[in-house]
Amino acid sequence: MPPAKKRPRAYDHLRTRTAVLAQYAHVRDAVAALTPQQLAAPTRLGDWTVRDLVAHIAQGLGSVSRDLALPEPPGPKPATTLLEWPPAVAAVVRDPEAPAPAADHPDLHALYGEVEAAFLADVPAAGTGDRLLPTRVGSMRLADYLVTRTVELIVHTDDLNEALGLEIPYDRQALAACTRLLADTLADRAPGGSVEVRVPPFAVVQCIGGPKHTRGTPPNVVETSPLTWIRLATGRTEWAQALEEAEVSASGERADLAALLPLLR
């Protein structure tokens, strides 16, 4: 019998909204100080420049207002749940018809202000987040879609920091939501209880079929930091590299996640 699926983790809509705005503000403030030379610098994202990346980050949050402006899909069940989002978005990430970053916007700082103002107007501080959005990967609850925005913001903040050697802060709640969603995605993709994956202080999940751990020290344990976990889950860091550089500890014969990573790119 296959392992039973666990109940999906619940996220507080208003806390997630606050986290999204906080992380976006960190990036917005950094963008305001970038020079033309910095904007023209390369990134680890193929042929994207920093300008492309910065525009993409704004576009990622702007998708909330864009989708809210469209007719609400028929409900009540969304076509894409939160744990289905990572594989769904991975399937469309190379879509040739996907909108390109608005890198030619004459004033990126102004673009950030416009996106933020629209978000504040369209996503009020009061609400349940139950409104359905017609996203690129299917209809999703607003509350769930905002959790995916924490992934976009945290991952691309890290891309921006790596490209320019910056130290843009990571909002704790946004980092926590991003970490937890990616950890839960791993557990959902490889259900089981033979390996415990620890990403302190935000997440502990069990995954991979085999003998289930019930008490005492688990025989198979993987432990790493939130940012390293996010880089592994999104293909920014290879499993073998993280082990070699002691960014991951893995004990036990089953504690090898190489075949399961990345979860998305």
C-alpha atoms as a PDB file:
ATOM      1  CA  MET A   1       0.000   0.000   0.000  1.00  0.00           C
ATOM      2  CA  PRO A   2       1.467   3.436  -0.930  1.00  0.00           C
ATOM      3  CA  PRO A   3       2.162   5.865   1.932  1.00  0.00           C
ATOM      4  CA  ALA A   4      -0.796   8.033   2.883  1.00  0.00           C
ATOM      5  CA  LYS A   5      -0.685  11.671   1.833  1.00  0.00           C
ATOM      6  CA  LYS A   6      -0.504  14.122   4.700  1.00  0.00           C
ATOM      7  CA  ARG A   7      -2.915  17.003   5.098  1.00  0.00           C
ATOM      8  CA  PRO A   8      -1.578  20.095   3.283  1.00  0.00           C
ATOM      9  CA  ARG A   9       0.017  22.765   5.452  1.00  0.00           C
ATOM     10  CA  ALA A  10      -2.147  25.818   6.163  1.00  0.00           C
ATOM     11  CA  TYR A  11      -0.854  29.360   5.625  1.00  0.00           C
ATOM     12  CA  ASP A  12      -2.353  32.479   7.153  1.00  0.00           C
ATOM     13  CA  HIS A  13      -3.453  34.715   4.287  1.00  0.00           C
ATOM     14  CA  LEU A  14      -2.762  38.048   5.970  1.00  0.00           C
ATOM     15  CA  ARG A  15       0.646  36.970   7.300  1.00  0.00           C
ATOM     16  CA  THR A  16       1.595  35.825   3.826  1.00  0.00           C
ATOM     17  CA  ARG A  17       0.424  39.116   2.349  1.00  0.00           C
ATOM     18  CA  THR A  18       2.580  40.992   4.856  1.00  0.00           C
ATOM     19  CA  ALA A  19       5.572  38.793   4.057  1.00  0.00           C
ATOM     20  CA  VAL A  20       5.189  39.316   0.318  1.00  0.00           C
ATOM     21  CA  LEU A  21       5.074  43.083   0.741  1.00  0.00           C
ATOM     22  CA  ALA A  22       8.068  43.060   3.097  1.00  0.00           C
ATOM     23  CA  GLN A  23      10.269  41.050   0.728  1.00  0.00           C
ATOM     24  CA  TYR A  24       9.171  43.091  -2.255  1.00  0.00           C
ATOM     25  CA  ALA A  25      10.080  46.276  -0.352  1.00  0.00           C
ATOM     26  CA  HIS A  26      13.585  44.927   0.299  1.00  0.00           C
ATOM     27  CA  VAL A  27      14.076  44.363  -3.416  1.00  0.00           C
ATOM     28  CA  ARG A  28      12.461  47.684  -4.357  1.00  0.00           C
ATOM     29  CA  ASP A  29      14.864  49.596  -2.124  1.00  0.00           C
ATOM     30  CA  ALA A  30      17.842  47.767  -3.625  1.00  0.00           C
ATOM     31  CA  VAL A  31      16.650  48.394  -7.187  1.00  0.00           C
ATOM     32  CA  ALA A  32      16.437  52.126  -6.529  1.00  0.00           C
ATOM     33  CA  ALA A  33      20.195  52.201  -5.881  1.00  0.00           C
ATOM     34  CA  LEU A  34      21.363  50.130  -8.859  1.00  0.00           C
ATOM     35  CA  THR A  35      23.605  51.789 -11.414  1.00  0.00           C
ATOM     36  CA  PRO A  36      23.362  51.311 -15.207  1.00  0.00           C
ATOM     37  CA  GLN A  37      26.481  49.155 -15.010  1.00  0.00           C
ATOM     38  CA  GLN A  38      24.910  46.918 -12.378  1.00  0.00           C
ATOM     39  CA  LEU A  39      21.691  46.601 -14.382  1.00  0.00           C
ATOM     40  CA  ALA A  40      23.696  45.428 -17.376  1.00  0.00           C
ATOM     41  CA  ALA A  41      25.563  42.759 -15.382  1.00  0.00           C
ATOM     42  CA  PRO A  42      24.974  39.050 -16.120  1.00  0.00           C
ATOM     43  CA  THR A  43      23.082  36.666 -13.836  1.00  0.00           C
ATOM     44  CA  ARG A  44      23.110  32.894 -13.362  1.00  0.00           C
ATOM     45  CA  LEU A  45      19.790  32.754 -15.242  1.00  0.00           C
ATOM     46  CA  GLY A  46      20.987  32.042 -18.757  1.00  0.00           C
ATOM     47  CA  ASP A  47      21.234  35.179 -20.855  1.00  0.00           C
ATOM     48  CA  TRP A  48      19.244  37.354 -18.459  1.00  0.00           C
ATOM     49  CA  THR A  49      20.891  40.534 -17.257  1.00  0.00           C
ATOM     50  CA  VAL A  50      20.212  42.056 -13.866  1.00  0.00           C
ATOM     51  CA  ARG A  51      17.759  44.405 -15.610  1.00  0.00           C
ATOM     52  CA  ASP A  52      15.844  41.388 -16.934  1.00  0.00           C
ATOM     53  CA  LEU A  53      15.823  39.797 -13.487  1.00  0.00           C
ATOM     54  CA  VAL A  54      14.693  42.991 -11.759  1.00  0.00           C
ATOM     55  CA  ALA A  55      11.865  43.429 -14.261  1.00  0.00           C
ATOM     56  CA  HIS A  56      10.843  39.783 -13.848  1.00  0.00           C
ATOM     57  CA  ILE A  57      10.573  40.186 -10.067  1.00  0.00           C
ATOM     58  CA  ALA A  58       8.207  43.130 -10.488  1.00  0.00           C
ATOM     59  CA  GLN A  59       6.256  41.219 -13.102  1.00  0.00           C
ATOM     60  CA  GLY A  60       5.933  38.265 -10.715  1.00  0.00           C
ATOM     61  CA  LEU A  61       4.159  40.345  -8.100  1.00  0.00           C
ATOM     62  CA  GLY A  62       2.255  42.242 -10.771  1.00  0.00           C
ATOM     63  CA  SER A  63       0.697  38.955 -11.870  1.00  0.00           C
ATOM     64  CA  VAL A  64      -1.511  39.108  -8.769  1.00  0.00           C
ATOM     65  CA  SER A  65      -3.247  42.312  -9.911  1.00  0.00           C
ATOM     66  CA  ARG A  66      -3.277  41.128 -13.515  1.00  0.00           C
ATOM     67  CA  ASP A  67      -5.051  37.891 -12.607  1.00  0.00           C
ATOM     68  CA  LEU A  68      -7.454  39.592 -10.192  1.00  0.00           C
ATOM     69  CA  ALA A  69      -8.577  41.834 -13.060  1.00  0.00           C
ATOM     70  CA  LEU A  70      -9.728  38.781 -15.025  1.00  0.00           C
ATOM     71  CA  PRO A  71     -13.091  37.051 -14.495  1.00  0.00           C
ATOM     72  CA  GLU A  72     -13.018  34.639 -11.573  1.00  0.00           C
ATOM     73  CA  PRO A  73     -12.862  31.001 -12.719  1.00  0.00           C
ATOM     74  CA  PRO A  74     -15.791  28.764 -11.805  1.00  0.00           C
ATOM     75  CA  GLY A  75     -15.330  27.164  -8.400  1.00  0.00           C
ATOM     76  CA  PRO A  76     -15.351  25.958  -5.793  1.00  0.00           C
ATOM     77  CA  LYS A  77     -12.417  23.571  -6.334  1.00  0.00           C
ATOM     78  CA  PRO A  78      -9.234  25.139  -7.745  1.00  0.00           C
ATOM     79  CA  ALA A  79      -7.582  23.344 -10.644  1.00  0.00           C
ATOM     80  CA  THR A  80      -4.124  23.768  -9.100  1.00  0.00           C
ATOM     81  CA  THR A  81      -3.457  23.276  -5.401  1.00  0.00           C
ATOM     82  CA  LEU A  82      -0.457  24.712  -3.606  1.00  0.00           C
ATOM     83  CA  LEU A  83       1.541  21.469  -3.745  1.00  0.00           C
ATOM     84  CA  GLU A  84       0.719  21.101  -7.428  1.00  0.00           C
ATOM     85  CA  TRP A  85       2.144  24.541  -8.226  1.00  0.00           C
ATOM     86  CA  PRO A  86       5.882  23.640  -8.324  1.00  0.00           C
ATOM     87  CA  PRO A  87       5.565  20.877 -10.961  1.00  0.00           C
ATOM     88  CA  ALA A  88       2.984  22.935 -12.854  1.00  0.00           C
ATOM     89  CA  VAL A  89       5.174  26.023 -13.025  1.00  0.00           C
ATOM     90  CA  ALA A  90       8.184  23.901 -13.982  1.00  0.00           C
ATOM     91  CA  ALA A  91       6.214  22.657 -16.973  1.00  0.00           C
ATOM     92  CA  VAL A  92       5.548  26.161 -18.331  1.00  0.00           C
ATOM     93  CA  VAL A  93       8.771  27.916 -17.350  1.00  0.00           C
ATOM     94  CA  ARG A  94      10.197  27.524 -20.852  1.00  0.00           C
ATOM     95  CA  ASP A  95       6.916  28.335 -22.596  1.00  0.00           C
ATOM     96  CA  PRO A  96       7.867  30.428 -25.661  1.00  0.00           C
ATOM     97  CA  GLU A  97       4.585  32.312 -25.339  1.00  0.00           C
ATOM     98  CA  ALA A  98       5.245  33.319 -21.735  1.00  0.00           C
ATOM     99  CA  PRO A  99       5.422  37.093 -21.209  1.00  0.00           C
ATOM    100  CA  ALA A 100       8.980  38.426 -21.305  1.00  0.00           C
ATOM    101  CA  PRO A 101      10.270  40.620 -18.481  1.00  0.00           C
ATOM    102  CA  ALA A 102       9.420  44.302 -18.961  1.00  0.00           C
ATOM    103  CA  ALA A 103      13.122  45.111 -19.036  1.00  0.00           C
ATOM    104  CA  ASP A 104      12.608  47.991 -21.440  1.00  0.00           C
ATOM    105  CA  HIS A 105      10.547  49.935 -18.898  1.00  0.00           C
ATOM    106  CA  PRO A 106      12.170  53.403 -18.821  1.00  0.00           C
ATOM    107  CA  ASP A 107      12.097  53.647 -15.025  1.00  0.00           C
ATOM    108  CA  LEU A 108      12.349  50.377 -13.111  1.00  0.00           C
ATOM    109  CA  HIS A 109      11.942  52.109  -9.753  1.00  0.00           C
ATOM    110  CA  ALA A 110       8.699  53.633 -11.006  1.00  0.00           C
ATOM    111  CA  LEU A 111       7.618  50.206 -12.243  1.00  0.00           C
ATOM    112  CA  TYR A 112       8.151  48.818  -8.751  1.00  0.00           C
ATOM    113  CA  GLY A 113       6.048  51.596  -7.277  1.00  0.00           C
ATOM    114  CA  GLU A 114       3.242  50.980  -9.755  1.00  0.00           C
ATOM    115  CA  VAL A 115       3.188  47.249  -9.048  1.00  0.00           C
ATOM    116  CA  GLU A 116       3.208  47.796  -5.285  1.00  0.00           C
ATOM    117  CA  ALA A 117       0.409  50.382  -5.435  1.00  0.00           C
ATOM    118  CA  ALA A 118      -1.734  48.061  -7.538  1.00  0.00           C
ATOM    119  CA  PHE A 119      -1.120  45.152  -5.157  1.00  0.00           C
ATOM    120  CA  LEU A 120      -2.102  47.246  -2.124  1.00  0.00           C
ATOM    121  CA  ALA A 121      -5.297  48.338  -3.867  1.00  0.00           C
ATOM    122  CA  ASP A 122      -6.221  44.899  -5.174  1.00  0.00           C
ATOM    123  CA  VAL A 123      -5.288  42.739  -2.158  1.00  0.00           C
ATOM    124  CA  PRO A 124      -6.791  44.427   0.910  1.00  0.00           C
ATOM    125  CA  ALA A 125      -5.480  43.802   4.409  1.00  0.00           C
ATOM    126  CA  ALA A 126      -8.848  42.294   5.300  1.00  0.00           C
ATOM    127  CA  GLY A 127     -10.036  39.169   3.535  1.00  0.00           C
ATOM    128  CA  THR A 128      -9.927  35.395   3.479  1.00  0.00           C
ATOM    129  CA  GLY A 129      -7.932  34.820   0.316  1.00  0.00           C
ATOM    130  CA  ASP A 130     -10.577  32.443  -1.041  1.00  0.00           C
ATOM    131  CA  ARG A 131     -10.998  34.330  -4.323  1.00  0.00           C
ATOM    132  CA  LEU A 132      -9.949  32.141  -7.274  1.00  0.00           C
ATOM    133  CA  LEU A 133      -7.350  33.458  -9.731  1.00  0.00           C
ATOM    134  CA  PRO A 134      -6.939  32.281 -13.360  1.00  0.00           C
ATOM    135  CA  THR A 135      -3.148  31.856 -13.189  1.00  0.00           C
ATOM    136  CA  ARG A 136      -0.886  30.533 -15.939  1.00  0.00           C
ATOM    137  CA  VAL A 137      -0.894  27.094 -14.295  1.00  0.00           C
ATOM    138  CA  GLY A 138      -4.618  26.864 -13.579  1.00  0.00           C
ATOM    139  CA  SER A 139      -7.018  28.450 -11.138  1.00  0.00           C
ATOM    140  CA  MET A 140      -5.653  28.950  -7.619  1.00  0.00           C
ATOM    141  CA  ARG A 141      -6.929  30.455  -4.403  1.00  0.00           C
ATOM    142  CA  LEU A 142      -5.504  33.933  -3.810  1.00  0.00           C
ATOM    143  CA  ALA A 143      -4.132  32.817  -0.421  1.00  0.00           C
ATOM    144  CA  ASP A 144      -2.248  29.956  -2.078  1.00  0.00           C
ATOM    145  CA  TYR A 145      -1.012  32.091  -4.941  1.00  0.00           C
ATOM    146  CA  LEU A 146       0.498  34.568  -2.484  1.00  0.00           C
ATOM    147  CA  VAL A 147       2.528  31.718  -0.968  1.00  0.00           C
ATOM    148  CA  THR A 148       3.952  31.061  -4.426  1.00  0.00           C
ATOM    149  CA  ARG A 149       4.930  34.752  -4.584  1.00  0.00           C
ATOM    150  CA  THR A 150       7.157  34.206  -1.546  1.00  0.00           C
ATOM    151  CA  VAL A 151       8.991  31.526  -3.533  1.00  0.00           C
ATOM    152  CA  GLU A 152       9.428  33.843  -6.512  1.00  0.00           C
ATOM    153  CA  LEU A 153      10.606  36.715  -4.341  1.00  0.00           C
ATOM    154  CA  ILE A 154      13.014  34.759  -2.140  1.00  0.00           C
ATOM    155  CA  VAL A 155      14.542  32.756  -4.990  1.00  0.00           C
ATOM    156  CA  HIS A 156      15.056  35.818  -7.175  1.00  0.00           C
ATOM    157  CA  THR A 157      16.322  37.931  -4.299  1.00  0.00           C
ATOM    158  CA  ASP A 158      19.005  35.268  -3.921  1.00  0.00           C
ATOM    159  CA  ASP A 159      19.683  35.435  -7.672  1.00  0.00           C
ATOM    160  CA  LEU A 160      20.090  39.201  -7.410  1.00  0.00           C
ATOM    161  CA  ASN A 161      22.385  38.952  -4.401  1.00  0.00           C
ATOM    162  CA  GLU A 162      24.516  36.374  -6.207  1.00  0.00           C
ATOM    163  CA  ALA A 163      24.749  38.433  -9.390  1.00  0.00           C
ATOM    164  CA  LEU A 164      25.881  41.654  -7.713  1.00  0.00           C
ATOM    165  CA  GLY A 165      27.348  40.557  -4.384  1.00  0.00           C
ATOM    166  CA  LEU A 166      24.570  42.392  -2.544  1.00  0.00           C
ATOM    167  CA  GLU A 167      23.071  41.625   0.842  1.00  0.00           C
ATOM    168  CA  ILE A 168      19.393  42.280   0.234  1.00  0.00           C
ATOM    169  CA  PRO A 169      17.626  40.998   3.361  1.00  0.00           C
ATOM    170  CA  TYR A 170      15.295  38.021   3.424  1.00  0.00           C
ATOM    171  CA  ASP A 171      12.069  38.614   5.305  1.00  0.00           C
ATOM    172  CA  ARG A 172      11.788  35.850   7.901  1.00  0.00           C
ATOM    173  CA  GLN A 173       8.136  35.024   7.200  1.00  0.00           C
ATOM    174  CA  ALA A 174       8.676  35.007   3.423  1.00  0.00           C
ATOM    175  CA  LEU A 175      11.746  32.791   3.823  1.00  0.00           C
ATOM    176  CA  ALA A 176       9.766  30.447   6.079  1.00  0.00           C
ATOM    177  CA  ALA A 177       6.868  30.114   3.629  1.00  0.00           C
ATOM    178  CA  CYS A 178       9.210  29.506   0.700  1.00  0.00           C
ATOM    179  CA  THR A 179      11.191  26.890   2.648  1.00  0.00           C
ATOM    180  CA  ARG A 180       8.086  25.069   3.837  1.00  0.00           C
ATOM    181  CA  LEU A 181       6.403  24.932   0.455  1.00  0.00           C
ATOM    182  CA  LEU A 182       9.494  23.449  -1.186  1.00  0.00           C
ATOM    183  CA  ALA A 183      10.009  20.969   1.669  1.00  0.00           C
ATOM    184  CA  ASP A 184       6.369  19.893   1.507  1.00  0.00           C
ATOM    185  CA  THR A 185       6.699  19.521  -2.261  1.00  0.00           C
ATOM    186  CA  LEU A 186       9.540  17.052  -1.741  1.00  0.00           C
ATOM    187  CA  ALA A 187       7.465  15.055   0.750  1.00  0.00           C
ATOM    188  CA  ASP A 188       4.523  15.070  -1.646  1.00  0.00           C
ATOM    189  CA  ARG A 189       6.647  13.999  -4.608  1.00  0.00           C
ATOM    190  CA  ALA A 190       8.402  11.183  -2.717  1.00  0.00           C
ATOM    191  CA  PRO A 191       5.965  10.121  -0.002  1.00  0.00           C
ATOM    192  CA  GLY A 192       7.217   7.887   2.781  1.00  0.00           C
ATOM    193  CA  GLY A 193       8.831   7.924   6.185  1.00  0.00           C
ATOM    194  CA  SER A 194      12.311   6.511   5.755  1.00  0.00           C
ATOM    195  CA  VAL A 195      14.174   9.844   5.434  1.00  0.00           C
ATOM    196  CA  GLU A 196      13.782  12.913   7.603  1.00  0.00           C
ATOM    197  CA  VAL A 197      14.664  16.225   5.966  1.00  0.00           C
ATOM    198  CA  ARG A 198      15.356  19.039   8.404  1.00  0.00           C
ATOM    199  CA  VAL A 199      15.576  22.697   7.410  1.00  0.00           C
ATOM    200  CA  PRO A 200      15.768  24.468  10.762  1.00  0.00           C
ATOM    201  CA  PRO A 201      14.123  26.544  11.997  1.00  0.00           C
ATOM    202  CA  PHE A 202      11.309  26.322   9.461  1.00  0.00           C
ATOM    203  CA  ALA A 203      10.609  22.789   8.262  1.00  0.00           C
ATOM    204  CA  VAL A 204      10.909  19.084   9.032  1.00  0.00           C
ATOM    205  CA  VAL A 205       9.410  16.567   6.630  1.00  0.00           C
ATOM    206  CA  GLN A 206       9.614  12.825   6.114  1.00  0.00           C
ATOM    207  CA  CYS A 207       9.845  11.368   2.644  1.00  0.00           C
ATOM    208  CA  ILE A 208      10.890   8.373   0.498  1.00  0.00           C
ATOM    209  CA  GLY A 209       9.322   4.957   0.885  1.00  0.00           C
ATOM    210  CA  GLY A 210      10.918   2.342   3.086  1.00  0.00           C
ATOM    211  CA  PRO A 211      11.102   1.478   6.774  1.00  0.00           C
ATOM    212  CA  LYS A 212       9.230   4.142   8.703  1.00  0.00           C
ATOM    213  CA  HIS A 213      10.917   5.898  11.596  1.00  0.00           C
ATOM    214  CA  THR A 214       8.754   6.046  14.733  1.00  0.00           C
ATOM    215  CA  ARG A 215      10.964   6.925  17.702  1.00  0.00           C
ATOM    216  CA  GLY A 216      14.522   7.866  18.634  1.00  0.00           C
ATOM    217  CA  THR A 217      17.102   9.187  16.186  1.00  0.00           C
ATOM    218  CA  PRO A 218      16.019   8.615  12.565  1.00  0.00           C
ATOM    219  CA  PRO A 219      18.398   6.306  10.648  1.00  0.00           C
ATOM    220  CA  ASN A 220      18.341   8.558   7.555  1.00  0.00           C
ATOM    221  CA  VAL A 221      18.607  12.318   8.077  1.00  0.00           C
ATOM    222  CA  VAL A 222      19.272  15.232   5.753  1.00  0.00           C
ATOM    223  CA  GLU A 223      19.835  18.647   7.301  1.00  0.00           C
ATOM    224  CA  THR A 224      20.644  21.998   5.748  1.00  0.00           C
ATOM    225  CA  SER A 225      19.942  25.720   6.022  1.00  0.00           C
ATOM    226  CA  PRO A 226      16.918  27.429   4.432  1.00  0.00           C
ATOM    227  CA  LEU A 227      18.859  29.181   1.660  1.00  0.00           C
ATOM    228  CA  THR A 228      20.843  26.072   0.771  1.00  0.00           C
ATOM    229  CA  TRP A 229      17.634  24.044   0.681  1.00  0.00           C
ATOM    230  CA  ILE A 230      15.993  26.625  -1.600  1.00  0.00           C
ATOM    231  CA  ARG A 231      19.037  26.611  -3.909  1.00  0.00           C
ATOM    232  CA  LEU A 232      18.947  22.812  -4.060  1.00  0.00           C
ATOM    233  CA  ALA A 233      15.207  22.724  -4.692  1.00  0.00           C
ATOM    234  CA  THR A 234      15.449  25.261  -7.523  1.00  0.00           C
ATOM    235  CA  GLY A 235      18.593  23.964  -9.199  1.00  0.00           C
ATOM    236  CA  ARG A 236      20.871  26.811  -8.117  1.00  0.00           C
ATOM    237  CA  THR A 237      23.102  24.343  -6.254  1.00  0.00           C
ATOM    238  CA  GLU A 238      23.835  20.724  -7.125  1.00  0.00           C
ATOM    239  CA  TRP A 239      23.409  18.032  -4.460  1.00  0.00           C
ATOM    240  CA  ALA A 240      26.998  16.760  -4.853  1.00  0.00           C
ATOM    241  CA  GLN A 241      28.384  20.289  -4.597  1.00  0.00           C
ATOM    242  CA  ALA A 242      26.410  21.028  -1.433  1.00  0.00           C
ATOM    243  CA  LEU A 243      27.688  17.812   0.166  1.00  0.00           C
ATOM    244  CA  GLU A 244      31.278  18.525  -0.837  1.00  0.00           C
ATOM    245  CA  GLU A 245      31.116  22.035   0.588  1.00  0.00           C
ATOM    246  CA  ALA A 246      29.488  20.780   3.816  1.00  0.00           C
ATOM    247  CA  GLU A 247      26.375  22.852   3.200  1.00  0.00           C
ATOM    248  CA  VAL A 248      24.304  19.687   3.657  1.00  0.00           C
ATOM    249  CA  SER A 249      24.711  16.860   6.127  1.00  0.00           C
ATOM    250  CA  ALA A 250      23.313  13.499   5.032  1.00  0.00           C
ATOM    251  CA  SER A 251      23.479  10.396   7.204  1.00  0.00           C
ATOM    252  CA  GLY A 252      22.093   6.963   6.385  1.00  0.00           C
ATOM    253  CA  GLU A 253      22.081   4.842   3.237  1.00  0.00           C
ATOM    254  CA  ARG A 254      18.805   6.350   2.003  1.00  0.00           C
ATOM    255  CA  ALA A 255      19.755   9.991   2.686  1.00  0.00           C
ATOM    256  CA  ASP A 256      20.508  10.867  -0.929  1.00  0.00           C
ATOM    257  CA  LEU A 257      18.152  13.354  -2.575  1.00  0.00           C
ATOM    258  CA  ALA A 258      20.109  13.770  -5.804  1.00  0.00           C
ATOM    259  CA  ALA A 259      17.538  11.935  -7.925  1.00  0.00           C
ATOM    260  CA  LEU A 260      14.683  14.062  -6.574  1.00  0.00           C
ATOM    261  CA  LEU A 261      16.234  17.496  -7.066  1.00  0.00           C
ATOM    262  CA  PRO A 262      15.644  20.087  -8.320  1.00  0.00           C
ATOM    263  CA  LEU A 263      11.935  20.388  -7.661  1.00  0.00           C
ATOM    264  CA  LEU A 264      11.636  23.377  -9.983  1.00  0.00           C
ATOM    265  CA  ARG A 265      13.910  25.740 -11.905  1.00  0.00           C
END
